[in-house]
Amino acid sequence: PFTADLGGWGNPPLGFEFAANGEADAFA
């Protein structure tokens, strides 16, 4: 369900990050 460490996905992921609110609100 994805938490702050993204469950080990990516190590690190390229372009992806964790969002606690489930939003892409950094998109303009």
PDB file of all heavy atoms in Angstrom:
ATOM      1  N   PRO A   1       0.807  -1.221   0.000  1.00  0.00           N
ATOM      2  CA  PRO A   1       0.000   0.000   0.000  1.00  0.00           C
ATOM      3  C   PRO A   1       0.845   1.279   0.000  1.00  0.00           C
ATOM      4  O   PRO A   1       0.292   2.369  -0.034  1.00  0.00           O
ATOM      5  CB  PRO A   1      -0.798  -0.122   1.300  1.00  0.00           C
ATOM      6  CG  PRO A   1       0.137  -0.872   2.212  1.00  0.00           C
ATOM      7  CD  PRO A   1       0.902  -1.829   1.336  1.00  0.00           C
ATOM      8  N   PHE A   2       2.160   1.138   0.054  1.00  0.00           N
ATOM      9  CA  PHE A   2       3.147   2.212   0.020  1.00  0.00           C
ATOM     10  C   PHE A   2       3.127   3.113   1.258  1.00  0.00           C
ATOM     11  O   PHE A   2       2.143   3.766   1.565  1.00  0.00           O
ATOM     12  CB  PHE A   2       3.024   3.059  -1.257  1.00  0.00           C
ATOM     13  CG  PHE A   2       3.352   2.287  -2.494  1.00  0.00           C
ATOM     14  CD1 PHE A   2       2.372   2.025  -3.444  1.00  0.00           C
ATOM     15  CD2 PHE A   2       4.628   1.796  -2.695  1.00  0.00           C
ATOM     16  CE1 PHE A   2       2.665   1.289  -4.582  1.00  0.00           C
ATOM     17  CE2 PHE A   2       4.935   1.057  -3.836  1.00  0.00           C
ATOM     18  CZ  PHE A   2       3.951   0.798  -4.770  1.00  0.00           C
ATOM     19  N   THR A   3       4.255   3.066   1.931  1.00  0.00           N
ATOM     20  CA  THR A   3       4.530   3.943   3.061  1.00  0.00           C
ATOM     21  C   THR A   3       5.770   4.762   2.711  1.00  0.00           C
ATOM     22  O   THR A   3       6.229   4.750   1.566  1.00  0.00           O
ATOM     23  CB  THR A   3       4.750   3.124   4.340  1.00  0.00           C
ATOM     24  OG1 THR A   3       5.768   2.139   4.092  1.00  0.00           O
ATOM     25  CG2 THR A   3       3.464   2.410   4.756  1.00  0.00           C
ATOM     26  N   ALA A   4       6.318   5.464   3.694  1.00  0.00           N
ATOM     27  CA  ALA A   4       7.374   6.447   3.419  1.00  0.00           C
ATOM     28  C   ALA A   4       8.585   5.854   2.709  1.00  0.00           C
ATOM     29  O   ALA A   4       9.233   6.529   1.909  1.00  0.00           O
ATOM     30  CB  ALA A   4       7.798   7.120   4.720  1.00  0.00           C
ATOM     31  N   ASP A   5       8.899   4.576   2.957  1.00  0.00           N
ATOM     32  CA  ASP A   5      10.072   3.978   2.300  1.00  0.00           C
ATOM     33  C   ASP A   5       9.715   3.319   0.970  1.00  0.00           C
ATOM     34  O   ASP A   5      10.572   2.705   0.332  1.00  0.00           O
ATOM     35  CB  ASP A   5      10.748   2.966   3.217  1.00  0.00           C
ATOM     36  CG  ASP A   5       9.862   1.753   3.521  1.00  0.00           C
ATOM     37  OD1 ASP A   5       8.687   1.747   3.094  1.00  0.00           O
ATOM     38  OD2 ASP A   5      10.363   0.832   4.187  1.00  0.00           O
ATOM     39  N   LEU A   6       8.446   3.458   0.545  1.00  0.00           N
ATOM     40  CA  LEU A   6       7.944   2.893  -0.707  1.00  0.00           C
ATOM     41  C   LEU A   6       8.108   1.382  -0.796  1.00  0.00           C
ATOM     42  O   LEU A   6       8.130   0.812  -1.888  1.00  0.00           O
ATOM     43  CB  LEU A   6       8.611   3.556  -1.921  1.00  0.00           C
ATOM     44  CG  LEU A   6       8.224   5.020  -2.181  1.00  0.00           C
ATOM     45  CD1 LEU A   6       8.953   5.568  -3.404  1.00  0.00           C
ATOM     46  CD2 LEU A   6       6.716   5.164  -2.363  1.00  0.00           C
ATOM     47  N   GLY A   7       8.259   0.725   0.353  1.00  0.00           N
ATOM     48  CA  GLY A   7       8.348  -0.723   0.362  1.00  0.00           C
ATOM     49  C   GLY A   7       9.559  -1.266  -0.363  1.00  0.00           C
ATOM     50  O   GLY A   7       9.563  -2.414  -0.804  1.00  0.00           O
ATOM     51  N   GLY A   8      10.604  -0.445  -0.489  1.00  0.00           N
ATOM     52  CA  GLY A   8      11.811  -0.888  -1.178  1.00  0.00           C
ATOM     53  C   GLY A   8      11.749  -0.776  -2.686  1.00  0.00           C
ATOM     54  O   GLY A   8      12.662  -1.223  -3.386  1.00  0.00           O
ATOM     55  N   TRP A   9      10.684  -0.179  -3.231  1.00  0.00           N
ATOM     56  CA  TRP A   9      10.578  -0.015  -4.676  1.00  0.00           C
ATOM     57  C   TRP A   9      11.585   1.031  -5.167  1.00  0.00           C
ATOM     58  O   TRP A   9      11.677   2.125  -4.630  1.00  0.00           O
ATOM     59  CB  TRP A   9       9.175   0.427  -5.059  1.00  0.00           C
ATOM     60  CG  TRP A   9       8.167  -0.678  -5.049  1.00  0.00           C
ATOM     61  CD1 TRP A   9       7.753  -1.407  -3.962  1.00  0.00           C
ATOM     62  CD2 TRP A   9       7.443  -1.168  -6.173  1.00  0.00           C
ATOM     63  NE1 TRP A   9       6.805  -2.323  -4.348  1.00  0.00           N
ATOM     64  CE2 TRP A   9       6.585  -2.205  -5.692  1.00  0.00           C
ATOM     65  CE3 TRP A   9       7.420  -0.831  -7.521  1.00  0.00           C
ATOM     66  CZ2 TRP A   9       5.735  -2.898  -6.536  1.00  0.00           C
ATOM     67  CZ3 TRP A   9       6.561  -1.523  -8.361  1.00  0.00           C
ATOM     68  CH2 TRP A   9       5.732  -2.544  -7.873  1.00  0.00           C
ATOM     69  N   GLY A  10      12.328   0.676  -6.198  1.00  0.00           N
ATOM     70  CA  GLY A  10      13.174   1.644  -6.890  1.00  0.00           C
ATOM     71  C   GLY A  10      14.630   1.622  -6.516  1.00  0.00           C
ATOM     72  O   GLY A  10      15.496   1.457  -7.351  1.00  0.00           O
ATOM     73  N   ASN A  11      14.907   1.826  -5.261  1.00  0.00           N
ATOM     74  CA  ASN A  11      16.273   1.845  -4.707  1.00  0.00           C
ATOM     75  C   ASN A  11      17.297   2.653  -5.510  1.00  0.00           C
ATOM     76  O   ASN A  11      18.366   2.149  -5.825  1.00  0.00           O
ATOM     77  CB  ASN A  11      16.771   0.400  -4.521  1.00  0.00           C
ATOM     78  CG  ASN A  11      15.997  -0.307  -3.434  1.00  0.00           C
ATOM     79  OD1 ASN A  11      15.616   0.284  -2.429  1.00  0.00           O
ATOM     80  ND2 ASN A  11      15.741  -1.592  -3.638  1.00  0.00           N
ATOM     81  N   PRO A  12      17.134   3.929  -5.804  1.00  0.00           N
ATOM     82  CA  PRO A  12      15.903   4.704  -5.587  1.00  0.00           C
ATOM     83  C   PRO A  12      15.038   4.674  -6.843  1.00  0.00           C
ATOM     84  O   PRO A  12      15.529   4.366  -7.920  1.00  0.00           O
ATOM     85  CB  PRO A  12      16.446   6.111  -5.337  1.00  0.00           C
ATOM     86  CG  PRO A  12      17.647   6.191  -6.222  1.00  0.00           C
ATOM     87  CD  PRO A  12      18.254   4.800  -6.240  1.00  0.00           C
ATOM     88  N   PRO A  13      13.751   5.026  -6.715  1.00  0.00           N
ATOM     89  CA  PRO A  13      12.914   5.119  -7.914  1.00  0.00           C
ATOM     90  C   PRO A  13      13.331   6.314  -8.763  1.00  0.00           C
ATOM     91  O   PRO A  13      13.868   7.302  -8.245  1.00  0.00           O
ATOM     92  CB  PRO A  13      11.506   5.312  -7.339  1.00  0.00           C
ATOM     93  CG  PRO A  13      11.722   5.903  -5.976  1.00  0.00           C
ATOM     94  CD  PRO A  13      13.008   5.334  -5.487  1.00  0.00           C
ATOM     95  N   LEU A  14      13.094   6.225 -10.056  1.00  0.00           N
ATOM     96  CA  LEU A  14      13.457   7.294 -10.979  1.00  0.00           C
ATOM     97  C   LEU A  14      12.210   8.116 -11.297  1.00  0.00           C
ATOM     98  O   LEU A  14      11.335   7.676 -12.035  1.00  0.00           O
ATOM     99  CB  LEU A  14      14.039   6.701 -12.262  1.00  0.00           C
ATOM    100  CG  LEU A  14      14.583   7.669 -13.315  1.00  0.00           C
ATOM    101  CD1 LEU A  14      15.716   8.499 -12.735  1.00  0.00           C
ATOM    102  CD2 LEU A  14      15.050   6.909 -14.541  1.00  0.00           C
ATOM    103  N   GLY A  15      12.104   9.285 -10.697  1.00  0.00           N
ATOM    104  CA  GLY A  15      10.963  10.164 -10.930  1.00  0.00           C
ATOM    105  C   GLY A  15       9.816   9.978  -9.963  1.00  0.00           C
ATOM    106  O   GLY A  15       8.948  10.847  -9.852  1.00  0.00           O
ATOM    107  N   PHE A  16       9.774   8.848  -9.260  1.00  0.00           N
ATOM    108  CA  PHE A  16       8.706   8.588  -8.301  1.00  0.00           C
ATOM    109  C   PHE A  16       9.144   8.957  -6.886  1.00  0.00           C
ATOM    110  O   PHE A  16      10.323   8.870  -6.543  1.00  0.00           O
ATOM    111  CB  PHE A  16       8.302   7.110  -8.320  1.00  0.00           C
ATOM    112  CG  PHE A  16       7.444   6.718  -9.481  1.00  0.00           C
ATOM    113  CD1 PHE A  16       8.025   6.190 -10.626  1.00  0.00           C
ATOM    114  CD2 PHE A  16       6.064   6.877  -9.440  1.00  0.00           C
ATOM    115  CE1 PHE A  16       7.240   5.805 -11.706  1.00  0.00           C
ATOM    116  CE2 PHE A  16       5.273   6.496 -10.515  1.00  0.00           C
ATOM    117  CZ  PHE A  16       5.864   5.960 -11.661  1.00  0.00           C
ATOM    118  N   GLU A  17       8.174   9.331  -6.061  1.00  0.00           N
ATOM    119  CA  GLU A  17       8.418   9.604  -4.649  1.00  0.00           C
ATOM    120  C   GLU A  17       7.168   9.272  -3.861  1.00  0.00           C
ATOM    121  O   GLU A  17       6.099   9.024  -4.426  1.00  0.00           O
ATOM    122  CB  GLU A  17       8.805  11.073  -4.444  1.00  0.00           C
ATOM    123  CG  GLU A  17       7.734  12.052  -4.882  1.00  0.00           C
ATOM    124  CD  GLU A  17       8.193  13.501  -4.767  1.00  0.00           C
ATOM    125  OE1 GLU A  17       9.348  13.711  -4.359  1.00  0.00           O
ATOM    126  OE2 GLU A  17       7.398  14.397  -5.084  1.00  0.00           O
ATOM    127  N   PHE A  18       7.302   9.259  -2.546  1.00  0.00           N
ATOM    128  CA  PHE A  18       6.160   8.980  -1.678  1.00  0.00           C
ATOM    129  C   PHE A  18       5.363  10.252  -1.439  1.00  0.00           C
ATOM    130  O   PHE A  18       5.923  11.326  -1.219  1.00  0.00           O
ATOM    131  CB  PHE A  18       6.641   8.424  -0.341  1.00  0.00           C
ATOM    132  CG  PHE A  18       5.533   8.210   0.660  1.00  0.00           C
ATOM    133  CD1 PHE A  18       4.602   7.202   0.486  1.00  0.00           C
ATOM    134  CD2 PHE A  18       5.418   9.035   1.767  1.00  0.00           C
ATOM    135  CE1 PHE A  18       3.578   6.995   1.400  1.00  0.00           C
ATOM    136  CE2 PHE A  18       4.402   8.838   2.697  1.00  0.00           C
ATOM    137  CZ  PHE A  18       3.475   7.822   2.507  1.00  0.00           C
ATOM    138  N   ALA A  19       4.025  10.131  -1.487  1.00  0.00           N
ATOM    139  CA  ALA A  19       3.135  11.237  -1.151  1.00  0.00           C
ATOM    140  C   ALA A  19       2.141  10.741  -0.110  1.00  0.00           C
ATOM    141  O   ALA A  19       1.316   9.872  -0.399  1.00  0.00           O
ATOM    142  CB  ALA A  19       2.399  11.746  -2.381  1.00  0.00           C
ATOM    143  N   ALA A  20       2.246  11.265   1.097  1.00  0.00           N
ATOM    144  CA  ALA A  20       1.392  10.802   2.190  1.00  0.00           C
ATOM    145  C   ALA A  20      -0.082  11.081   1.930  1.00  0.00           C
ATOM    146  O   ALA A  20      -0.955  10.352   2.409  1.00  0.00           O
ATOM    147  CB  ALA A  20       1.824  11.459   3.497  1.00  0.00           C
ATOM    148  N   ASN A  21      -0.384  12.127   1.150  1.00  0.00           N
ATOM    149  CA  ASN A  21      -1.782  12.477   0.881  1.00  0.00           C
ATOM    150  C   ASN A  21      -2.330  11.807  -0.372  1.00  0.00           C
ATOM    151  O   ASN A  21      -3.491  12.025  -0.739  1.00  0.00           O
ATOM    152  CB  ASN A  21      -1.952  13.990   0.782  1.00  0.00           C
ATOM    153  CG  ASN A  21      -1.128  14.618  -0.348  1.00  0.00           C
ATOM    154  OD1 ASN A  21      -0.482  13.899  -1.124  1.00  0.00           O
ATOM    155  ND2 ASN A  21      -1.135  15.934  -0.434  1.00  0.00           N
ATOM    156  N   GLY A  22      -1.508  10.997  -1.065  1.00  0.00           N
ATOM    157  CA  GLY A  22      -1.987  10.307  -2.255  1.00  0.00           C
ATOM    158  C   GLY A  22      -2.268  11.225  -3.423  1.00  0.00           C
ATOM    159  O   GLY A  22      -3.001  10.855  -4.343  1.00  0.00           O
ATOM    160  N   GLU A  23      -1.658  12.415  -3.429  1.00  0.00           N
ATOM    161  CA  GLU A  23      -1.889  13.390  -4.491  1.00  0.00           C
ATOM    162  C   GLU A  23      -0.587  13.722  -5.222  1.00  0.00           C
ATOM    163  O   GLU A  23       0.492  13.617  -4.643  1.00  0.00           O
ATOM    164  CB  GLU A  23      -2.470  14.691  -3.914  1.00  0.00           C
ATOM    165  CG  GLU A  23      -3.803  14.522  -3.218  1.00  0.00           C
ATOM    166  CD  GLU A  23      -4.333  15.835  -2.661  1.00  0.00           C
ATOM    167  OE1 GLU A  23      -3.640  16.875  -2.808  1.00  0.00           O
ATOM    168  OE2 GLU A  23      -5.426  15.833  -2.078  1.00  0.00           O
ATOM    169  N   ALA A  24      -0.731  14.157  -6.473  1.00  0.00           N
ATOM    170  CA  ALA A  24       0.413  14.684  -7.226  1.00  0.00           C
ATOM    171  C   ALA A  24       0.306  16.203  -7.235  1.00  0.00           C
ATOM    172  O   ALA A  24       0.355  16.855  -8.278  1.00  0.00           O
ATOM    173  CB  ALA A  24       0.424  14.132  -8.647  1.00  0.00           C
ATOM    174  N   ASP A  25       0.146  16.781  -6.034  1.00  0.00           N
ATOM    175  CA  ASP A  25      -0.152  18.207  -5.943  1.00  0.00           C
ATOM    176  C   ASP A  25       1.038  19.102  -6.254  1.00  0.00           C
ATOM    177  O   ASP A  25       0.902  20.329  -6.292  1.00  0.00           O
ATOM    178  CB  ASP A  25      -0.748  18.565  -4.583  1.00  0.00           C
ATOM    179  CG  ASP A  25       0.067  18.035  -3.418  1.00  0.00           C
ATOM    180  OD1 ASP A  25       1.158  17.488  -3.654  1.00  0.00           O
ATOM    181  OD2 ASP A  25      -0.394  18.157  -2.268  1.00  0.00           O
ATOM    182  N   ALA A  26       2.227  18.516  -6.507  1.00  0.00           N
ATOM    183  CA  ALA A  26       3.351  19.322  -6.983  1.00  0.00           C
ATOM    184  C   ALA A  26       3.201  19.644  -8.472  1.00  0.00           C
ATOM    185  O   ALA A  26       3.907  20.510  -8.995  1.00  0.00           O
ATOM    186  CB  ALA A  26       4.672  18.596  -6.742  1.00  0.00           C
ATOM    187  N   PHE A  27       2.286  18.940  -9.162  1.00  0.00           N
ATOM    188  CA  PHE A  27       1.988  19.258 -10.563  1.00  0.00           C
ATOM    189  C   PHE A  27       1.327  20.623 -10.607  1.00  0.00           C
ATOM    190  O   PHE A  27       0.375  20.904  -9.880  1.00  0.00           O
ATOM    191  CB  PHE A  27       1.073  18.179 -11.143  1.00  0.00           C
ATOM    192  CG  PHE A  27       0.590  18.457 -12.534  1.00  0.00           C
ATOM    193  CD1 PHE A  27       1.487  18.644 -13.566  1.00  0.00           C
ATOM    194  CD2 PHE A  27      -0.766  18.520 -12.815  1.00  0.00           C
ATOM    195  CE1 PHE A  27       1.046  18.901 -14.861  1.00  0.00           C
ATOM    196  CE2 PHE A  27      -1.225  18.761 -14.089  1.00  0.00           C
ATOM    197  CZ  PHE A  27      -0.311  18.957 -15.120  1.00  0.00           C
ATOM    198  N   ALA A  28       1.828  21.503 -11.475  1.00  0.00           N
ATOM    199  CA  ALA A  28       1.417  22.912 -11.464  1.00  0.00           C
ATOM    200  C   ALA A  28      -0.083  23.092 -11.664  1.00  0.00           C
ATOM    201  O   ALA A  28      -0.679  24.035 -11.125  1.00  0.00           O
ATOM    202  CB  ALA A  28       2.192  23.678 -12.544  1.00  0.00           C
TER     203      ALA A  28
END
